[in-house]
């Protein structure tokens, strides 16, 4: 570990670093290892990857709905429980507003 910008950076526990940038070249990887080796980055943790992001980024569109849901049910139980819109002060603290992202249209996509 070493210091960087007044803080400590310790990369000894990093076991995998995925790089999906294009193009990936050996010189850039070597420079990255050289730059971060002093912070404990081990050789062999960088894994070049092909992500094909242009085919995974767009799944849903047309989101217009906004739901007010119970924060406790969502955060503690993983359930979506709708809360009716009211204006008392306690509801704002115990609820969250969630914006919908729409639906997959004509794409044969099953979003779960």
N, C-alpha and C. Protein backbone atom coordinates (compact mmCIF):
# COMPACT_ATOMS: atom_id res chain seq x y z
N UNK A 1 0.84 -1.19 0.00
CA UNK A 1 0.00 0.00 0.00
C UNK A 1 0.88 1.24 0.00
N UNK A 2 0.34 2.33 -0.48
CA UNK A 2 1.07 3.58 -0.56
C UNK A 2 0.05 4.71 -0.49
N UNK A 3 0.56 5.93 -0.51
CA UNK A 3 -0.36 7.06 -0.42
C UNK A 3 -0.61 7.65 -1.80
N UNK A 4 -1.80 8.18 -1.96
CA UNK A 4 -2.20 8.82 -3.21
C UNK A 4 -3.13 9.96 -2.86
N UNK A 5 -2.72 11.17 -3.16
CA UNK A 5 -3.55 12.34 -2.90
C UNK A 5 -3.88 12.51 -1.43
N UNK A 6 -2.97 12.16 -0.55
CA UNK A 6 -3.19 12.32 0.88
C UNK A 6 -3.87 11.14 1.54
N UNK A 7 -4.34 10.15 0.76
CA UNK A 7 -4.98 8.96 1.31
C UNK A 7 -4.14 7.73 1.03
N UNK A 8 -4.59 6.61 1.55
CA UNK A 8 -3.88 5.36 1.34
C UNK A 8 -4.63 4.52 0.32
N UNK A 9 -3.87 3.95 -0.60
CA UNK A 9 -4.46 3.08 -1.62
C UNK A 9 -3.77 1.73 -1.52
N UNK A 10 -4.54 0.69 -1.22
CA UNK A 10 -4.01 -0.66 -1.06
C UNK A 10 -4.75 -1.59 -2.00
N UNK A 11 -4.08 -2.02 -3.07
CA UNK A 11 -4.71 -2.86 -4.09
C UNK A 11 -4.30 -4.32 -3.98
N UNK A 12 -3.70 -4.71 -2.86
CA UNK A 12 -3.23 -6.09 -2.71
C UNK A 12 -4.36 -7.10 -2.75
N UNK A 13 -5.55 -6.74 -2.35
CA UNK A 13 -6.66 -7.70 -2.32
C UNK A 13 -7.42 -7.77 -3.64
N UNK A 14 -7.09 -6.91 -4.59
CA UNK A 14 -7.78 -6.92 -5.89
C UNK A 14 -7.41 -8.17 -6.66
N UNK A 15 -8.39 -9.01 -6.92
CA UNK A 15 -8.13 -10.28 -7.60
C UNK A 15 -8.51 -10.28 -9.06
N UNK A 16 -9.34 -9.33 -9.49
CA UNK A 16 -9.77 -9.30 -10.87
C UNK A 16 -10.11 -7.87 -11.26
N UNK A 17 -9.60 -7.46 -12.39
CA UNK A 17 -9.87 -6.13 -12.92
C UNK A 17 -10.27 -6.31 -14.38
N UNK A 18 -11.54 -6.14 -14.68
CA UNK A 18 -12.04 -6.36 -16.04
C UNK A 18 -11.86 -5.09 -16.85
N UNK A 19 -11.26 -5.22 -18.01
CA UNK A 19 -11.04 -4.10 -18.92
C UNK A 19 -11.75 -4.42 -20.23
N UNK A 20 -12.85 -3.71 -20.49
CA UNK A 20 -13.61 -3.95 -21.72
C UNK A 20 -13.47 -2.80 -22.70
N UNK A 21 -12.41 -2.01 -22.53
CA UNK A 21 -12.16 -0.91 -23.45
C UNK A 21 -11.68 -1.46 -24.79
N UNK A 22 -11.92 -0.69 -25.84
CA UNK A 22 -11.44 -1.11 -27.15
C UNK A 22 -10.60 0.01 -27.74
N UNK A 23 -9.47 -0.24 -28.33
CA UNK A 23 -8.78 -1.53 -28.31
C UNK A 23 -7.98 -1.69 -27.02
N UNK A 24 -7.71 -2.89 -26.65
CA UNK A 24 -6.87 -3.20 -25.49
C UNK A 24 -5.51 -3.58 -26.02
N UNK A 25 -4.48 -2.87 -25.56
CA UNK A 25 -3.16 -3.22 -26.06
C UNK A 25 -2.21 -3.53 -24.90
N UNK A 26 -1.21 -4.32 -25.22
CA UNK A 26 -0.26 -4.80 -24.21
C UNK A 26 0.48 -3.66 -23.53
N UNK A 27 0.83 -2.63 -24.27
CA UNK A 27 1.56 -1.51 -23.69
C UNK A 27 0.74 -0.80 -22.62
N UNK A 28 -0.56 -0.58 -22.89
CA UNK A 28 -1.42 0.09 -21.91
C UNK A 28 -1.54 -0.74 -20.64
N UNK A 29 -1.67 -2.07 -20.81
CA UNK A 29 -1.75 -2.94 -19.63
C UNK A 29 -0.46 -2.88 -18.83
N UNK A 30 0.69 -2.88 -19.51
CA UNK A 30 1.98 -2.82 -18.82
C UNK A 30 2.12 -1.49 -18.07
N UNK A 31 1.72 -0.40 -18.70
CA UNK A 31 1.78 0.91 -18.05
C UNK A 31 0.87 0.96 -16.81
N UNK A 32 -0.30 0.35 -16.91
CA UNK A 32 -1.23 0.30 -15.78
C UNK A 32 -0.61 -0.49 -14.62
N UNK A 33 -0.04 -1.65 -14.93
CA UNK A 33 0.63 -2.45 -13.89
C UNK A 33 1.78 -1.66 -13.27
N UNK A 34 2.57 -0.98 -14.09
CA UNK A 34 3.70 -0.19 -13.58
C UNK A 34 3.22 0.94 -12.67
N UNK A 35 2.16 1.63 -13.09
CA UNK A 35 1.65 2.77 -12.31
C UNK A 35 1.05 2.34 -10.99
N UNK A 36 0.34 1.20 -10.97
CA UNK A 36 -0.37 0.80 -9.76
C UNK A 36 0.30 -0.33 -8.99
N UNK A 37 1.42 -0.82 -9.51
CA UNK A 37 2.17 -1.85 -8.79
C UNK A 37 2.67 -1.36 -7.44
N UNK A 38 3.02 -0.09 -7.35
CA UNK A 38 3.50 0.48 -6.08
C UNK A 38 2.39 0.54 -5.03
N UNK A 39 1.14 0.33 -5.47
CA UNK A 39 0.01 0.30 -4.54
C UNK A 39 -0.44 -1.13 -4.26
N UNK A 40 0.36 -2.11 -4.70
CA UNK A 40 0.06 -3.50 -4.41
C UNK A 40 -0.67 -4.25 -5.49
N UNK A 41 -0.90 -3.63 -6.67
CA UNK A 41 -1.58 -4.33 -7.76
C UNK A 41 -0.69 -5.46 -8.27
N UNK A 42 -1.22 -6.67 -8.25
CA UNK A 42 -0.47 -7.84 -8.68
C UNK A 42 -0.61 -8.05 -10.18
N UNK A 43 0.45 -8.49 -10.81
CA UNK A 43 0.39 -8.82 -12.24
C UNK A 43 -0.55 -10.00 -12.44
N UNK A 44 -1.30 -9.97 -13.52
CA UNK A 44 -2.21 -11.06 -13.84
C UNK A 44 -3.65 -10.85 -13.41
N UNK A 45 -3.96 -9.70 -12.79
CA UNK A 45 -5.35 -9.46 -12.37
C UNK A 45 -6.18 -8.76 -13.43
N UNK A 46 -5.53 -8.17 -14.43
CA UNK A 46 -6.28 -7.51 -15.50
C UNK A 46 -6.74 -8.56 -16.50
N UNK A 47 -8.04 -8.57 -16.78
CA UNK A 47 -8.63 -9.53 -17.69
C UNK A 47 -9.32 -8.78 -18.83
N UNK A 48 -8.66 -8.69 -20.00
CA UNK A 48 -9.33 -8.05 -21.14
C UNK A 48 -10.63 -8.78 -21.47
N UNK A 49 -11.66 -8.01 -21.77
CA UNK A 49 -12.99 -8.55 -21.98
C UNK A 49 -13.65 -7.84 -23.16
N UNK A 50 -14.48 -8.54 -23.86
CA UNK A 50 -15.26 -7.94 -24.94
C UNK A 50 -16.71 -7.86 -24.48
N UNK A 51 -17.22 -6.65 -24.27
CA UNK A 51 -18.53 -6.50 -23.68
C UNK A 51 -19.69 -6.36 -24.64
N UNK A 52 -19.44 -5.90 -25.87
CA UNK A 52 -20.49 -5.67 -26.84
C UNK A 52 -21.62 -4.82 -26.24
N UNK A 53 -21.23 -3.72 -25.63
CA UNK A 53 -22.17 -2.87 -24.90
C UNK A 53 -23.32 -2.37 -25.77
N UNK A 54 -23.06 -2.13 -27.04
CA UNK A 54 -24.13 -1.59 -27.88
C UNK A 54 -25.30 -2.55 -28.01
N UNK A 55 -25.12 -3.80 -27.65
CA UNK A 55 -26.21 -4.77 -27.70
C UNK A 55 -26.80 -5.08 -26.32
N UNK A 56 -26.27 -4.45 -25.29
CA UNK A 56 -26.80 -4.70 -23.95
C UNK A 56 -27.28 -3.45 -23.24
N UNK A 57 -26.90 -2.29 -23.72
CA UNK A 57 -27.24 -1.06 -23.01
C UNK A 57 -28.73 -0.76 -23.08
N UNK A 58 -29.34 -0.93 -24.24
CA UNK A 58 -30.74 -0.58 -24.41
C UNK A 58 -31.62 -1.80 -24.25
N UNK A 59 -32.43 -1.80 -23.22
CA UNK A 59 -33.37 -2.89 -22.99
C UNK A 59 -34.79 -2.34 -22.90
N UNK A 60 -34.97 -1.27 -22.16
CA UNK A 60 -36.30 -0.73 -21.91
C UNK A 60 -36.33 0.76 -22.25
N UNK A 61 -37.51 1.23 -22.60
CA UNK A 61 -37.68 2.67 -22.81
C UNK A 61 -39.14 3.04 -22.58
N UNK A 62 -39.39 4.33 -22.57
CA UNK A 62 -40.76 4.81 -22.43
C UNK A 62 -41.24 4.90 -21.00
N UNK A 63 -40.33 4.95 -20.06
CA UNK A 63 -40.74 5.03 -18.65
C UNK A 63 -41.38 6.35 -18.33
N UNK A 64 -42.60 6.28 -17.84
CA UNK A 64 -43.31 7.51 -17.46
C UNK A 64 -43.90 7.42 -16.07
N UNK A 65 -43.99 6.21 -15.52
CA UNK A 65 -44.65 6.09 -14.24
C UNK A 65 -43.70 6.38 -13.07
N UNK A 66 -44.26 6.91 -12.02
CA UNK A 66 -43.53 7.16 -10.79
C UNK A 66 -44.35 6.58 -9.66
N UNK A 67 -43.74 5.71 -8.88
CA UNK A 67 -44.43 5.08 -7.74
C UNK A 67 -43.84 5.59 -6.44
N UNK A 68 -44.69 5.82 -5.49
CA UNK A 68 -44.24 6.11 -4.12
C UNK A 68 -44.35 4.78 -3.37
N UNK A 69 -43.22 4.31 -2.83
CA UNK A 69 -43.19 3.00 -2.17
C UNK A 69 -42.66 3.11 -0.75
N UNK A 70 -42.96 2.13 0.03
CA UNK A 70 -42.48 2.06 1.41
C UNK A 70 -40.98 1.78 1.41
N UNK A 71 -40.19 2.69 2.03
CA UNK A 71 -38.75 2.50 2.12
C UNK A 71 -38.42 1.24 2.91
N UNK A 72 -39.09 1.04 4.03
CA UNK A 72 -38.80 -0.11 4.89
C UNK A 72 -39.04 -1.42 4.16
N UNK A 73 -40.17 -1.55 3.49
CA UNK A 73 -40.47 -2.79 2.77
C UNK A 73 -39.45 -3.03 1.66
N UNK A 74 -39.05 -1.96 0.97
CA UNK A 74 -38.10 -2.10 -0.13
C UNK A 74 -36.69 -2.43 0.38
N UNK A 75 -36.22 -1.67 1.36
CA UNK A 75 -34.84 -1.82 1.83
C UNK A 75 -34.64 -3.02 2.75
N UNK A 76 -35.61 -3.32 3.57
CA UNK A 76 -35.43 -4.37 4.57
C UNK A 76 -35.97 -5.73 4.12
N UNK A 77 -37.01 -5.72 3.26
CA UNK A 77 -37.66 -6.96 2.88
C UNK A 77 -37.57 -7.26 1.39
N UNK A 78 -37.07 -6.31 0.60
CA UNK A 78 -36.97 -6.51 -0.83
C UNK A 78 -38.31 -6.57 -1.54
N UNK A 79 -39.34 -5.95 -0.93
CA UNK A 79 -40.69 -5.94 -1.52
C UNK A 79 -41.06 -4.54 -1.95
N UNK A 80 -41.85 -4.42 -3.01
CA UNK A 80 -42.37 -3.13 -3.45
C UNK A 80 -43.80 -3.01 -2.95
N UNK A 81 -44.00 -2.08 -2.03
CA UNK A 81 -45.33 -1.83 -1.47
C UNK A 81 -45.67 -0.38 -1.77
N UNK A 82 -46.69 -0.20 -2.60
CA UNK A 82 -47.08 1.15 -2.99
C UNK A 82 -47.72 1.89 -1.83
N UNK A 83 -47.37 3.18 -1.70
CA UNK A 83 -47.92 4.06 -0.67
C UNK A 83 -48.71 5.15 -1.40
N UNK A 84 -49.92 5.41 -0.94
CA UNK A 84 -50.75 6.44 -1.58
C UNK A 84 -50.15 7.82 -1.35
N UNK A 85 -50.19 8.68 -2.36
CA UNK A 85 -49.68 10.05 -2.25
C UNK A 85 -50.51 10.84 -1.26
N UNK A 86 -49.87 11.27 -0.22
CA UNK A 86 -50.49 12.16 0.77
C UNK A 86 -49.46 13.19 1.15
N UNK A 87 -49.83 14.22 1.82
CA UNK A 87 -48.91 15.32 2.07
C UNK A 87 -48.48 15.47 3.52
N UNK A 88 -48.74 14.46 4.37
CA UNK A 88 -48.27 14.63 5.75
C UNK A 88 -46.76 14.45 5.80
N UNK A 89 -46.08 15.06 6.75
CA UNK A 89 -44.63 15.10 6.82
C UNK A 89 -43.95 13.76 7.02
N UNK A 90 -44.60 12.82 7.70
CA UNK A 90 -43.95 11.54 7.98
C UNK A 90 -43.86 10.66 6.74
N UNK A 91 -44.77 10.85 5.79
CA UNK A 91 -44.76 9.99 4.60
C UNK A 91 -43.52 10.21 3.76
N UNK A 92 -43.05 11.45 3.63
CA UNK A 92 -41.84 11.72 2.86
C UNK A 92 -40.65 10.96 3.42
N UNK A 93 -40.53 10.87 4.74
CA UNK A 93 -39.40 10.19 5.37
C UNK A 93 -39.50 8.67 5.28
N UNK A 94 -40.70 8.12 5.22
CA UNK A 94 -40.87 6.67 5.23
C UNK A 94 -41.14 6.09 3.85
N UNK A 95 -41.11 6.96 2.82
CA UNK A 95 -41.37 6.46 1.47
C UNK A 95 -40.30 6.96 0.50
N UNK A 96 -40.24 6.30 -0.64
CA UNK A 96 -39.32 6.70 -1.71
C UNK A 96 -40.09 6.74 -3.01
N UNK A 97 -39.67 7.60 -3.92
CA UNK A 97 -40.29 7.68 -5.23
C UNK A 97 -39.39 6.94 -6.21
N UNK A 98 -39.97 6.01 -6.96
CA UNK A 98 -39.23 5.20 -7.92
C UNK A 98 -39.75 5.51 -9.32
N UNK A 99 -38.84 5.81 -10.23
CA UNK A 99 -39.19 6.14 -11.60
C UNK A 99 -39.04 4.90 -12.47
N UNK A 100 -40.08 4.57 -13.22
CA UNK A 100 -40.05 3.40 -14.09
C UNK A 100 -39.20 3.65 -15.33
N UNK A 101 -38.57 2.61 -15.85
CA UNK A 101 -37.73 2.69 -17.05
C UNK A 101 -38.46 2.22 -18.30
N UNK A 102 -39.70 1.83 -18.18
CA UNK A 102 -40.47 1.39 -19.34
C UNK A 102 -40.44 -0.12 -19.50
N UNK A 103 -40.68 -0.56 -20.72
CA UNK A 103 -40.80 -1.99 -21.02
C UNK A 103 -39.97 -2.33 -22.25
N UNK A 104 -39.51 -3.57 -22.34
CA UNK A 104 -38.82 -3.99 -23.57
C UNK A 104 -39.86 -4.20 -24.67
N UNK A 105 -39.73 -3.48 -25.77
CA UNK A 105 -40.68 -3.57 -26.88
C UNK A 105 -40.08 -4.32 -28.05
N UNK A 106 -40.76 -5.35 -28.50
CA UNK A 106 -40.39 -6.06 -29.72
C UNK A 106 -38.93 -6.56 -29.72
N UNK A 107 -38.42 -6.95 -28.56
CA UNK A 107 -37.02 -7.34 -28.49
C UNK A 107 -36.82 -8.77 -28.02
N UNK A 108 -37.89 -9.46 -27.72
CA UNK A 108 -37.76 -10.82 -27.21
C UNK A 108 -36.89 -10.87 -25.95
N UNK A 109 -37.08 -9.91 -25.06
CA UNK A 109 -36.29 -9.80 -23.83
C UNK A 109 -37.18 -10.09 -22.65
N UNK A 110 -36.70 -10.94 -21.75
CA UNK A 110 -37.42 -11.25 -20.52
C UNK A 110 -36.67 -10.59 -19.36
N UNK A 111 -37.16 -9.46 -18.89
CA UNK A 111 -36.52 -8.73 -17.81
C UNK A 111 -37.11 -9.20 -16.50
N UNK A 112 -36.27 -9.72 -15.61
CA UNK A 112 -36.75 -10.23 -14.32
C UNK A 112 -36.09 -9.52 -13.18
